[in-house]
Amino acid sequence: MKSAQEKAIEFFRKKGGLVRTTEALAHGIHRRTLYGLRDEGLLVGVSRGLFQLAEMEAPAEVSLAEVAKRVPNAVICLVSSLAFHELTTQIPHYVWLAVERKARKPKIEYPPVRVFHFSGKAFSSGIVKHRISHQTVQIYEAPKTIIDCFRWRKAVGLDVTLEAAREYLKRPDSSPAFLMKYARICGVEKLVTPYLEALTA
């Protein structure tokens, strides 16, 4: 017969490794068991009321899954999306998140988030759904992310944006035409064109 700890770990694995205390208690897992697993190093207390299996993915990816769980209609954008696509050397200190212009700003204590309001096609275009820790996470695809970085260059930094554009254009599956398509959608065609001409010359 399985011990309480084994049952708890099984439940965490089934849930993708990230479980709120309330969820665990509702499943019949005792607080004693949770704290025991934490003390043994099998669980990590990520934030107040949130535990993660120590064996699971890197915290950065888990952060994306946790935000997606809390705000399913939002989209991972800008520096967080660049990091996901391995187009930057920057390590995001918070999750960069796009929400629709009319949407309320989400209140999330952990992980720290930086929220940007996008509207119309600039919000809805280029979204790709990924599975991280058993959670569906919406992330902008690489060329859309780069164009968004040009749009929000004051927040992101032009040097970070150009580094990402250079990295993207080195890839065999990169497409300057894709970049220009998103530049038109986002209304930054005139801004982006000279940079892309310089980078592809």
N, C-alpha and C. Protein backbone atom coordinates (compact mmCIF):
# COMPACT_ATOMS: atom_id res chain seq x y z
N MET A 1 0.84 -1.20 0.00
CA MET A 1 0.00 0.00 0.00
C MET A 1 0.88 1.26 0.00
N LYS A 2 0.45 2.24 -0.78
CA LYS A 2 1.25 3.46 -0.91
C LYS A 2 1.14 4.33 0.34
N SER A 3 2.25 4.97 0.68
CA SER A 3 2.25 5.88 1.83
C SER A 3 1.59 7.20 1.43
N ALA A 4 1.27 8.02 2.43
CA ALA A 4 0.66 9.34 2.16
C ALA A 4 1.58 10.20 1.30
N GLN A 5 2.89 10.09 1.55
CA GLN A 5 3.85 10.88 0.77
C GLN A 5 3.90 10.42 -0.69
N GLU A 6 3.88 9.11 -0.89
CA GLU A 6 3.89 8.58 -2.27
C GLU A 6 2.65 9.01 -3.03
N LYS A 7 1.51 8.94 -2.34
CA LYS A 7 0.24 9.37 -2.98
C LYS A 7 0.30 10.86 -3.34
N ALA A 8 0.88 11.66 -2.44
CA ALA A 8 0.99 13.11 -2.68
C ALA A 8 1.87 13.39 -3.90
N ILE A 9 3.00 12.70 -3.98
CA ILE A 9 3.92 12.90 -5.11
C ILE A 9 3.25 12.48 -6.42
N GLU A 10 2.51 11.40 -6.38
CA GLU A 10 1.76 10.92 -7.56
C GLU A 10 0.78 12.00 -8.03
N PHE A 11 0.08 12.61 -7.06
CA PHE A 11 -0.89 13.67 -7.38
C PHE A 11 -0.18 14.88 -8.01
N PHE A 12 0.97 15.26 -7.46
CA PHE A 12 1.74 16.38 -8.00
C PHE A 12 2.17 16.10 -9.44
N ARG A 13 2.63 14.87 -9.68
CA ARG A 13 3.06 14.50 -11.06
C ARG A 13 1.89 14.57 -12.03
N LYS A 14 0.73 14.11 -11.57
CA LYS A 14 -0.47 14.12 -12.42
C LYS A 14 -0.87 15.55 -12.77
N LYS A 15 -0.60 16.47 -11.83
CA LYS A 15 -0.97 17.88 -12.02
C LYS A 15 0.14 18.70 -12.68
N GLY A 16 1.20 18.05 -13.13
CA GLY A 16 2.27 18.76 -13.82
C GLY A 16 3.33 19.33 -12.90
N GLY A 17 3.29 18.94 -11.61
CA GLY A 17 4.36 19.33 -10.70
C GLY A 17 4.14 20.60 -9.91
N LEU A 18 3.03 21.30 -10.20
CA LEU A 18 2.77 22.58 -9.55
C LEU A 18 1.37 22.56 -8.96
N VAL A 19 1.26 22.63 -7.63
CA VAL A 19 -0.05 22.48 -6.98
C VAL A 19 -0.20 23.50 -5.86
N ARG A 20 -1.39 24.11 -5.80
CA ARG A 20 -1.68 25.04 -4.70
C ARG A 20 -2.05 24.23 -3.45
N THR A 21 -1.75 24.78 -2.29
CA THR A 21 -2.04 24.09 -1.02
C THR A 21 -3.52 23.73 -0.94
N THR A 22 -4.39 24.68 -1.33
CA THR A 22 -5.84 24.45 -1.26
C THR A 22 -6.26 23.25 -2.11
N GLU A 23 -5.63 23.14 -3.29
CA GLU A 23 -5.91 22.03 -4.22
C GLU A 23 -5.48 20.70 -3.59
N ALA A 24 -4.31 20.70 -2.95
CA ALA A 24 -3.79 19.48 -2.31
C ALA A 24 -4.68 19.07 -1.14
N LEU A 25 -5.09 20.04 -0.33
CA LEU A 25 -5.95 19.74 0.82
C LEU A 25 -7.30 19.19 0.36
N ALA A 26 -7.83 19.78 -0.72
CA ALA A 26 -9.11 19.33 -1.27
C ALA A 26 -9.02 17.89 -1.77
N HIS A 27 -7.81 17.48 -2.16
CA HIS A 27 -7.59 16.12 -2.66
C HIS A 27 -7.34 15.14 -1.50
N GLY A 28 -7.32 15.67 -0.28
CA GLY A 28 -7.13 14.80 0.89
C GLY A 28 -5.68 14.67 1.34
N ILE A 29 -4.81 15.53 0.81
CA ILE A 29 -3.41 15.50 1.24
C ILE A 29 -3.28 16.41 2.47
N HIS A 30 -2.72 15.88 3.53
CA HIS A 30 -2.62 16.62 4.79
C HIS A 30 -1.47 17.63 4.73
N ARG A 31 -1.65 18.76 5.41
CA ARG A 31 -0.59 19.77 5.49
C ARG A 31 0.73 19.16 5.99
N ARG A 32 0.60 18.24 6.99
CA ARG A 32 1.76 17.55 7.55
C ARG A 32 2.59 16.88 6.45
N THR A 33 1.86 16.23 5.52
CA THR A 33 2.52 15.52 4.41
C THR A 33 3.26 16.52 3.52
N LEU A 34 2.60 17.63 3.19
CA LEU A 34 3.22 18.65 2.34
C LEU A 34 4.50 19.19 2.98
N TYR A 35 4.40 19.55 4.26
CA TYR A 35 5.56 20.13 4.94
C TYR A 35 6.67 19.10 5.12
N GLY A 36 6.27 17.83 5.33
CA GLY A 36 7.25 16.75 5.43
C GLY A 36 8.03 16.58 4.13
N LEU A 37 7.31 16.60 3.00
CA LEU A 37 7.95 16.47 1.69
C LEU A 37 8.85 17.68 1.41
N ARG A 38 8.39 18.85 1.86
CA ARG A 38 9.21 20.06 1.67
C ARG A 38 10.51 19.94 2.49
N ASP A 39 10.38 19.50 3.73
CA ASP A 39 11.56 19.38 4.60
C ASP A 39 12.56 18.33 4.09
N GLU A 40 12.03 17.33 3.37
CA GLU A 40 12.91 16.30 2.80
C GLU A 40 13.51 16.73 1.45
N GLY A 41 13.10 17.91 0.97
CA GLY A 41 13.63 18.42 -0.30
C GLY A 41 12.94 17.88 -1.53
N LEU A 42 11.80 17.18 -1.34
CA LEU A 42 11.07 16.63 -2.50
C LEU A 42 10.08 17.63 -3.07
N LEU A 43 9.66 18.59 -2.24
CA LEU A 43 8.81 19.69 -2.70
C LEU A 43 9.53 21.00 -2.43
N VAL A 44 9.25 21.99 -3.29
CA VAL A 44 9.80 23.34 -3.10
C VAL A 44 8.64 24.29 -2.88
N GLY A 45 8.71 25.09 -1.83
CA GLY A 45 7.70 26.13 -1.63
C GLY A 45 7.99 27.30 -2.54
N VAL A 46 7.25 27.40 -3.66
CA VAL A 46 7.53 28.43 -4.67
C VAL A 46 7.09 29.79 -4.17
N SER A 47 5.93 29.85 -3.57
CA SER A 47 5.43 31.09 -2.96
C SER A 47 4.39 30.67 -1.93
N ARG A 48 3.80 31.65 -1.28
CA ARG A 48 2.80 31.32 -0.27
C ARG A 48 1.64 30.54 -0.90
N GLY A 49 1.42 29.33 -0.39
CA GLY A 49 0.30 28.53 -0.89
C GLY A 49 0.55 27.83 -2.21
N LEU A 50 1.81 27.73 -2.62
CA LEU A 50 2.11 27.09 -3.90
C LEU A 50 3.36 26.22 -3.77
N PHE A 51 3.20 24.92 -4.09
CA PHE A 51 4.32 23.98 -4.01
C PHE A 51 4.65 23.43 -5.39
N GLN A 52 5.94 23.13 -5.58
CA GLN A 52 6.39 22.56 -6.84
C GLN A 52 7.24 21.33 -6.55
N LEU A 53 7.08 20.28 -7.37
CA LEU A 53 7.93 19.09 -7.24
C LEU A 53 9.36 19.47 -7.57
N ALA A 54 10.29 19.12 -6.70
CA ALA A 54 11.70 19.49 -6.92
C ALA A 54 12.26 18.91 -8.22
N GLU A 55 11.70 17.79 -8.68
CA GLU A 55 12.24 17.11 -9.88
C GLU A 55 11.76 17.76 -11.19
N MET A 56 10.84 18.71 -11.10
CA MET A 56 10.23 19.23 -12.32
C MET A 56 11.09 20.26 -13.04
N GLU A 57 10.51 20.84 -14.11
CA GLU A 57 11.24 21.74 -14.99
C GLU A 57 11.82 22.96 -14.30
N ALA A 58 12.64 23.67 -15.06
CA ALA A 58 13.28 24.89 -14.55
C ALA A 58 12.22 25.90 -14.10
N PRO A 59 12.52 26.65 -13.05
CA PRO A 59 11.55 27.61 -12.53
C PRO A 59 11.00 28.60 -13.56
N ALA A 60 11.83 29.00 -14.53
CA ALA A 60 11.36 29.97 -15.54
C ALA A 60 10.17 29.42 -16.30
N GLU A 61 10.26 28.16 -16.71
CA GLU A 61 9.16 27.54 -17.46
C GLU A 61 7.94 27.35 -16.55
N VAL A 62 8.20 26.96 -15.30
CA VAL A 62 7.11 26.77 -14.34
C VAL A 62 6.38 28.09 -14.11
N SER A 63 7.12 29.20 -14.07
CA SER A 63 6.51 30.53 -13.91
C SER A 63 5.51 30.82 -15.03
N LEU A 64 5.88 30.46 -16.26
CA LEU A 64 4.98 30.68 -17.40
C LEU A 64 3.70 29.86 -17.22
N ALA A 65 3.88 28.61 -16.77
CA ALA A 65 2.72 27.73 -16.56
C ALA A 65 1.82 28.26 -15.46
N GLU A 66 2.44 28.75 -14.39
CA GLU A 66 1.66 29.27 -13.26
C GLU A 66 0.85 30.50 -13.66
N VAL A 67 1.46 31.41 -14.44
CA VAL A 67 0.74 32.61 -14.91
C VAL A 67 -0.40 32.21 -15.84
N ALA A 68 -0.13 31.25 -16.73
CA ALA A 68 -1.16 30.79 -17.66
C ALA A 68 -2.35 30.19 -16.92
N LYS A 69 -2.06 29.52 -15.80
CA LYS A 69 -3.11 28.91 -14.99
C LYS A 69 -4.01 30.00 -14.39
N ARG A 70 -3.38 31.11 -13.99
CA ARG A 70 -4.11 32.20 -13.34
C ARG A 70 -4.81 33.11 -14.35
N VAL A 71 -4.16 33.34 -15.52
CA VAL A 71 -4.71 34.27 -16.52
C VAL A 71 -4.72 33.57 -17.88
N PRO A 72 -5.65 32.62 -18.10
CA PRO A 72 -5.60 31.79 -19.32
C PRO A 72 -5.73 32.56 -20.64
N ASN A 73 -6.33 33.76 -20.62
CA ASN A 73 -6.50 34.51 -21.88
C ASN A 73 -5.31 35.40 -22.22
N ALA A 74 -4.36 35.52 -21.30
CA ALA A 74 -3.19 36.37 -21.55
C ALA A 74 -2.18 35.62 -22.42
N VAL A 75 -1.21 36.37 -22.96
CA VAL A 75 -0.20 35.77 -23.86
C VAL A 75 1.19 36.18 -23.36
N ILE A 76 2.09 35.20 -23.28
CA ILE A 76 3.48 35.49 -22.90
C ILE A 76 4.11 36.28 -24.05
N CYS A 77 4.75 37.41 -23.70
CA CYS A 77 5.24 38.30 -24.76
C CYS A 77 6.63 38.85 -24.45
N LEU A 78 7.13 39.65 -25.36
CA LEU A 78 8.35 40.43 -25.21
C LEU A 78 9.52 39.61 -24.64
N VAL A 79 10.17 40.05 -23.55
CA VAL A 79 11.41 39.38 -23.10
C VAL A 79 11.18 37.94 -22.67
N SER A 80 10.02 37.65 -22.05
CA SER A 80 9.72 36.26 -21.66
C SER A 80 9.58 35.37 -22.89
N SER A 81 8.97 35.91 -23.94
CA SER A 81 8.82 35.15 -25.17
C SER A 81 10.17 34.99 -25.88
N LEU A 82 10.99 36.04 -25.88
CA LEU A 82 12.34 35.93 -26.45
C LEU A 82 13.13 34.83 -25.76
N ALA A 83 13.04 34.80 -24.42
CA ALA A 83 13.77 33.78 -23.64
C ALA A 83 13.26 32.38 -23.99
N PHE A 84 11.93 32.24 -24.12
CA PHE A 84 11.34 30.94 -24.46
C PHE A 84 11.86 30.46 -25.82
N HIS A 85 11.97 31.40 -26.78
CA HIS A 85 12.42 31.06 -28.14
C HIS A 85 13.95 31.06 -28.26
N GLU A 86 14.65 31.27 -27.12
CA GLU A 86 16.12 31.30 -27.08
C GLU A 86 16.69 32.34 -28.04
N LEU A 87 16.11 33.55 -27.98
CA LEU A 87 16.55 34.64 -28.85
C LEU A 87 17.18 35.78 -28.05
N THR A 88 17.46 35.55 -26.79
CA THR A 88 18.07 36.59 -25.97
C THR A 88 18.96 35.98 -24.89
N THR A 89 19.94 36.78 -24.47
CA THR A 89 20.78 36.37 -23.34
C THR A 89 20.21 36.93 -22.03
N GLN A 90 19.15 37.73 -22.15
CA GLN A 90 18.50 38.31 -20.97
C GLN A 90 17.78 37.22 -20.17
N ILE A 91 17.84 37.32 -18.85
CA ILE A 91 17.06 36.42 -17.99
C ILE A 91 15.91 37.25 -17.42
N PRO A 92 14.67 36.97 -17.84
CA PRO A 92 13.55 37.79 -17.36
C PRO A 92 13.38 37.67 -15.84
N HIS A 93 13.29 38.82 -15.18
CA HIS A 93 13.08 38.82 -13.73
C HIS A 93 11.60 38.76 -13.36
N TYR A 94 10.76 38.89 -14.38
CA TYR A 94 9.33 38.70 -14.19
C TYR A 94 8.76 38.15 -15.49
N VAL A 95 7.51 37.74 -15.45
CA VAL A 95 6.86 37.22 -16.66
C VAL A 95 6.23 38.41 -17.40
N TRP A 96 6.66 38.61 -18.65
CA TRP A 96 6.12 39.69 -19.49
C TRP A 96 4.84 39.16 -20.13
N LEU A 97 3.76 39.88 -19.93
CA LEU A 97 2.43 39.36 -20.25
C LEU A 97 1.62 40.37 -21.05
N ALA A 98 1.01 39.88 -22.15
CA ALA A 98 0.12 40.74 -22.94
C ALA A 98 -1.33 40.39 -22.61
N VAL A 99 -2.13 41.42 -22.36
CA VAL A 99 -3.58 41.24 -22.19
C VAL A 99 -4.29 42.19 -23.15
N GLU A 100 -5.55 41.87 -23.45
CA GLU A 100 -6.31 42.75 -24.34
C GLU A 100 -6.52 44.10 -23.69
N ARG A 101 -6.58 45.13 -24.53
CA ARG A 101 -6.65 46.51 -24.02
C ARG A 101 -7.76 46.71 -22.99
N LYS A 102 -8.92 46.10 -23.22
CA LYS A 102 -10.05 46.31 -22.31
C LYS A 102 -10.03 45.38 -21.10
N ALA A 103 -9.10 44.43 -21.10
CA ALA A 103 -9.05 43.46 -19.99
C ALA A 103 -8.50 44.12 -18.73
N ARG A 104 -8.96 43.64 -17.58
CA ARG A 104 -8.42 44.14 -16.31
C ARG A 104 -7.00 43.67 -16.13
N LYS A 105 -6.21 44.49 -15.46
CA LYS A 105 -4.83 44.09 -15.17
C LYS A 105 -4.88 42.98 -14.12
N PRO A 106 -4.30 41.80 -14.44
CA PRO A 106 -4.38 40.69 -13.47
C PRO A 106 -3.60 40.99 -12.19
N LYS A 107 -4.17 40.54 -11.08
CA LYS A 107 -3.48 40.71 -9.79
C LYS A 107 -2.82 39.39 -9.43
N ILE A 108 -1.53 39.34 -9.56
CA ILE A 108 -0.78 38.12 -9.27
C ILE A 108 0.38 38.46 -8.34
N GLU A 109 0.42 37.78 -7.20
CA GLU A 109 1.52 38.02 -6.25
C GLU A 109 2.80 37.31 -6.72
N TYR A 110 2.62 36.09 -7.19
CA TYR A 110 3.76 35.31 -7.66
C TYR A 110 3.34 34.49 -8.86
N PRO A 111 4.22 34.35 -9.87
CA PRO A 111 5.49 35.06 -10.02
C PRO A 111 5.26 36.52 -10.39
N PRO A 112 6.28 37.40 -10.21
CA PRO A 112 6.08 38.81 -10.58
C PRO A 112 5.81 38.95 -12.07
N VAL A 113 4.85 39.78 -12.43
CA VAL A 113 4.50 39.95 -13.84
C VAL A 113 4.63 41.42 -14.25
N ARG A 114 4.87 41.61 -15.52
CA ARG A 114 4.86 42.95 -16.10
C ARG A 114 3.83 42.92 -17.23
N VAL A 115 2.78 43.71 -17.09
CA VAL A 115 1.63 43.58 -17.99
C VAL A 115 1.62 44.70 -19.04
N PHE A 116 1.34 44.30 -20.29
CA PHE A 116 1.23 45.23 -21.42
C PHE A 116 -0.13 45.04 -22.07
N HIS A 117 -0.77 46.15 -22.42
CA HIS A 117 -2.08 46.08 -23.08
C HIS A 117 -1.90 46.15 -24.60
N PHE A 118 -2.35 45.12 -25.28
CA PHE A 118 -2.32 45.06 -26.75
C PHE A 118 -3.77 45.16 -27.22
N SER A 119 -3.96 45.63 -28.47
CA SER A 119 -5.34 45.70 -28.96
C SER A 119 -5.49 45.09 -30.36
N GLY A 120 -6.71 44.66 -30.65
CA GLY A 120 -7.07 44.15 -31.97
C GLY A 120 -6.16 43.04 -32.46
N LYS A 121 -5.75 43.14 -33.74
CA LYS A 121 -4.92 42.10 -34.35
C LYS A 121 -3.52 42.05 -33.74
N ALA A 122 -3.07 43.17 -33.19
CA ALA A 122 -1.75 43.19 -32.54
C ALA A 122 -1.75 42.26 -31.33
N PHE A 123 -2.95 42.06 -30.74
CA PHE A 123 -3.05 41.11 -29.63
C PHE A 123 -3.28 39.68 -30.14
N SER A 124 -4.21 39.52 -31.09
CA SER A 124 -4.67 38.18 -31.47
C SER A 124 -3.79 37.45 -32.50
N SER A 125 -2.87 38.16 -33.17
CA SER A 125 -2.04 37.52 -34.20
C SER A 125 -0.80 36.86 -33.62
N GLY A 126 -0.43 35.75 -34.21
CA GLY A 126 0.86 35.12 -33.88
C GLY A 126 0.90 34.34 -32.59
N ILE A 127 -0.28 33.99 -32.05
CA ILE A 127 -0.32 33.24 -30.79
C ILE A 127 -0.14 31.74 -31.08
N VAL A 128 0.76 31.10 -30.36
CA VAL A 128 0.95 29.65 -30.47
C VAL A 128 0.76 29.05 -29.08
N LYS A 129 0.04 27.93 -29.01
CA LYS A 129 -0.20 27.28 -27.72
C LYS A 129 0.84 26.20 -27.48
N HIS A 130 1.47 26.25 -26.31
CA HIS A 130 2.47 25.26 -25.92
C HIS A 130 2.01 24.56 -24.64
N ARG A 131 2.51 23.34 -24.41
CA ARG A 131 2.21 22.62 -23.16
C ARG A 131 3.43 22.69 -22.26
N ILE A 132 3.27 23.30 -21.11
CA ILE A 132 4.35 23.39 -20.11
C ILE A 132 3.76 22.94 -18.78
N SER A 133 4.40 21.96 -18.16
CA SER A 133 3.91 21.43 -16.87
C SER A 133 2.41 21.10 -16.93
N HIS A 134 2.00 20.43 -17.99
CA HIS A 134 0.60 19.99 -18.19
C HIS A 134 -0.36 21.16 -18.32
N GLN A 135 0.16 22.35 -18.61
CA GLN A 135 -0.68 23.54 -18.69
C GLN A 135 -0.55 24.12 -20.10
N THR A 136 -1.68 24.55 -20.69
CA THR A 136 -1.62 25.22 -21.99
C THR A 136 -1.17 26.66 -21.76
N VAL A 137 -0.09 27.04 -22.44
CA VAL A 137 0.47 28.39 -22.29
C VAL A 137 0.49 29.06 -23.67
N GLN A 138 -0.12 30.24 -23.76
CA GLN A 138 -0.13 30.99 -25.01
C GLN A 138 1.11 31.88 -25.08
N ILE A 139 1.87 31.71 -26.17
CA ILE A 139 3.11 32.47 -26.35
C ILE A 139 3.15 32.98 -27.79
N TYR A 140 3.57 34.24 -27.97
CA TYR A 140 3.70 34.74 -29.35
C TYR A 140 4.85 34.04 -30.04
N GLU A 141 4.67 33.73 -31.33
CA GLU A 141 5.75 33.08 -32.07
C GLU A 141 6.90 34.07 -32.27
N ALA A 142 8.07 33.54 -32.63
CA ALA A 142 9.30 34.34 -32.65
C ALA A 142 9.20 35.63 -33.49
N PRO A 143 8.78 35.58 -34.78
CA PRO A 143 8.76 36.82 -35.56
C PRO A 143 7.80 37.88 -34.99
N LYS A 144 6.66 37.44 -34.46
CA LYS A 144 5.71 38.39 -33.85
C LYS A 144 6.34 39.03 -32.61
N THR A 145 7.06 38.23 -31.82
CA THR A 145 7.71 38.74 -30.61
C THR A 145 8.73 39.83 -30.95
N ILE A 146 9.50 39.60 -32.00
CA ILE A 146 10.52 40.58 -32.39
C ILE A 146 9.87 41.91 -32.79
N ILE A 147 8.79 41.84 -33.56
CA ILE A 147 8.09 43.07 -33.95
C ILE A 147 7.50 43.77 -32.72
N ASP A 148 6.95 42.99 -31.80
CA ASP A 148 6.44 43.58 -30.55
C ASP A 148 7.56 44.30 -29.79
N CYS A 149 8.76 43.71 -29.83
CA CYS A 149 9.90 44.34 -29.14
C CYS A 149 10.27 45.67 -29.78
N PHE A 150 10.14 45.76 -31.11
CA PHE A 150 10.35 47.06 -31.78
C PHE A 150 9.28 48.06 -31.31
N ARG A 151 8.05 47.60 -31.21
CA ARG A 151 6.95 48.48 -30.75
C ARG A 151 7.18 48.97 -29.33
N TRP A 152 7.64 48.08 -28.46
CA TRP A 152 7.83 48.40 -27.04
C TRP A 152 9.32 48.55 -26.73
N ARG A 153 10.07 49.11 -27.69
CA ARG A 153 11.54 49.16 -27.55
C ARG A 153 12.00 49.97 -26.33
N LYS A 154 11.19 50.93 -25.89
CA LYS A 154 11.59 51.71 -24.71
C LYS A 154 11.56 50.83 -23.45
N ALA A 155 10.62 49.89 -23.41
CA ALA A 155 10.53 48.99 -22.26
C ALA A 155 11.56 47.86 -22.36
N VAL A 156 11.75 47.35 -23.59
CA VAL A 156 12.62 46.18 -23.81
C VAL A 156 14.08 46.58 -23.94
N GLY A 157 14.32 47.69 -24.65
CA GLY A 157 15.68 48.12 -24.99
C GLY A 157 15.96 47.79 -26.45
N LEU A 158 16.42 48.80 -27.20
CA LEU A 158 16.67 48.58 -28.63
C LEU A 158 17.80 47.57 -28.84
N ASP A 159 18.80 47.57 -27.95
CA ASP A 159 19.91 46.62 -28.10
C ASP A 159 19.42 45.18 -27.97
N VAL A 160 18.50 44.93 -27.02
CA VAL A 160 17.93 43.59 -26.82
C VAL A 160 17.11 43.19 -28.06
N THR A 161 16.36 44.15 -28.58
CA THR A 161 15.52 43.91 -29.77
C THR A 161 16.37 43.55 -30.98
N LEU A 162 17.43 44.32 -31.22
CA LEU A 162 18.28 44.07 -32.39
C LEU A 162 19.05 42.75 -32.25
N GLU A 163 19.49 42.44 -31.02
CA GLU A 163 20.16 41.15 -30.77
C GLU A 163 19.22 39.99 -31.13
N ALA A 164 17.95 40.11 -30.71
CA ALA A 164 16.96 39.05 -30.99
C ALA A 164 16.69 38.94 -32.48
N ALA A 165 16.56 40.08 -33.15
CA ALA A 165 16.30 40.07 -34.60
C ALA A 165 17.47 39.40 -35.34
N ARG A 166 18.70 39.73 -34.93
CA ARG A 166 19.89 39.12 -35.56
C ARG A 166 19.90 37.60 -35.36
N GLU A 167 19.63 37.17 -34.11
CA GLU A 167 19.59 35.74 -33.80
C GLU A 167 18.52 35.02 -34.62
N TYR A 168 17.34 35.65 -34.72
CA TYR A 168 16.24 35.04 -35.47
C TYR A 168 16.62 34.88 -36.95
N LEU A 169 17.22 35.93 -37.53
CA LEU A 169 17.54 35.90 -38.97
C LEU A 169 18.65 34.91 -39.31
N LYS A 170 19.41 34.48 -38.30
CA LYS A 170 20.45 33.45 -38.54
C LYS A 170 19.84 32.07 -38.70
N ARG A 171 18.61 31.90 -38.24
CA ARG A 171 18.00 30.57 -38.23
C ARG A 171 17.53 30.16 -39.63
N PRO A 172 17.69 28.87 -39.97
CA PRO A 172 17.30 28.43 -41.32
C PRO A 172 15.82 28.62 -41.61
N ASP A 173 14.98 28.60 -40.57
CA ASP A 173 13.53 28.74 -40.81
C ASP A 173 13.05 30.18 -40.64
N SER A 174 13.98 31.13 -40.54
CA SER A 174 13.57 32.54 -40.35
C SER A 174 12.98 33.11 -41.64
N SER A 175 12.18 34.14 -41.50
CA SER A 175 11.53 34.73 -42.68
C SER A 175 11.36 36.24 -42.51
N PRO A 176 12.17 37.04 -43.25
CA PRO A 176 11.98 38.49 -43.21
C PRO A 176 10.55 38.88 -43.63
N ALA A 177 9.95 38.08 -44.53
CA ALA A 177 8.58 38.37 -44.98
C ALA A 177 7.60 38.25 -43.82
N PHE A 178 7.82 37.26 -42.94
CA PHE A 178 7.00 37.09 -41.74
C PHE A 178 7.11 38.30 -40.83
N LEU A 179 8.35 38.76 -40.66
CA LEU A 179 8.59 39.94 -39.81
C LEU A 179 7.81 41.14 -40.36
N MET A 180 7.87 41.32 -41.69
CA MET A 180 7.18 42.47 -42.29
C MET A 180 5.65 42.33 -42.20
N LYS A 181 5.17 41.09 -42.29
CA LYS A 181 3.72 40.86 -42.13
C LYS A 181 3.26 41.34 -40.76
N TYR A 182 4.01 40.97 -39.73
CA TYR A 182 3.65 41.39 -38.38
C TYR A 182 3.89 42.89 -38.17
N ALA A 183 4.90 43.43 -38.83
CA ALA A 183 5.16 44.88 -38.74
C ALA A 183 3.96 45.66 -39.28
N ARG A 184 3.38 45.15 -40.37
CA ARG A 184 2.17 45.81 -40.93
C ARG A 184 1.00 45.69 -39.97
N ILE A 185 0.79 44.49 -39.42
CA ILE A 185 -0.32 44.26 -38.48
C ILE A 185 -0.19 45.19 -37.27
N CYS A 186 1.04 45.38 -36.80
CA CYS A 186 1.28 46.16 -35.58
C CYS A 186 1.52 47.65 -35.86
N GLY A 187 1.47 48.03 -37.14
CA GLY A 187 1.60 49.45 -37.49
C GLY A 187 2.99 50.04 -37.29
N VAL A 188 4.04 49.20 -37.43
CA VAL A 188 5.41 49.71 -37.24
C VAL A 188 6.29 49.44 -38.47
N GLU A 189 5.65 49.32 -39.64
CA GLU A 189 6.36 48.98 -40.87
C GLU A 189 7.48 50.00 -41.16
N LYS A 190 7.14 51.30 -41.07
CA LYS A 190 8.13 52.35 -41.39
C LYS A 190 9.30 52.33 -40.41
N LEU A 191 9.01 52.04 -39.17
CA LEU A 191 10.06 51.98 -38.14
C LEU A 191 10.99 50.79 -38.37
N VAL A 192 10.40 49.64 -38.66
CA VAL A 192 11.16 48.38 -38.73
C VAL A 192 11.97 48.24 -40.02
N THR A 193 11.44 48.74 -41.15
CA THR A 193 12.05 48.52 -42.47
C THR A 193 13.55 48.85 -42.51
N PRO A 194 14.00 50.06 -42.09
CA PRO A 194 15.44 50.34 -42.18
C PRO A 194 16.31 49.39 -41.35
N TYR A 195 15.81 48.99 -40.18
CA TYR A 195 16.58 48.05 -39.35
C TYR A 195 16.72 46.70 -40.05
N LEU A 196 15.60 46.22 -40.62
CA LEU A 196 15.64 44.91 -41.29
C LEU A 196 16.51 44.96 -42.54
N GLU A 197 16.47 46.08 -43.25
CA GLU A 197 17.32 46.21 -44.45
C GLU A 197 18.79 46.15 -44.05
N ALA A 198 19.13 46.80 -42.94
CA ALA A 198 20.52 46.78 -42.46
C ALA A 198 20.93 45.38 -42.01
N LEU A 199 20.00 44.68 -41.34
CA LEU A 199 20.32 43.36 -40.81
C LEU A 199 20.40 42.28 -41.91
N THR A 200 19.69 42.49 -43.01
CA THR A 200 19.68 41.47 -44.07
C THR A 200 20.60 41.85 -45.24
N ALA A 201 21.28 42.99 -45.11
CA ALA A 201 22.15 43.44 -46.23
C ALA A 201 23.35 42.52 -46.40
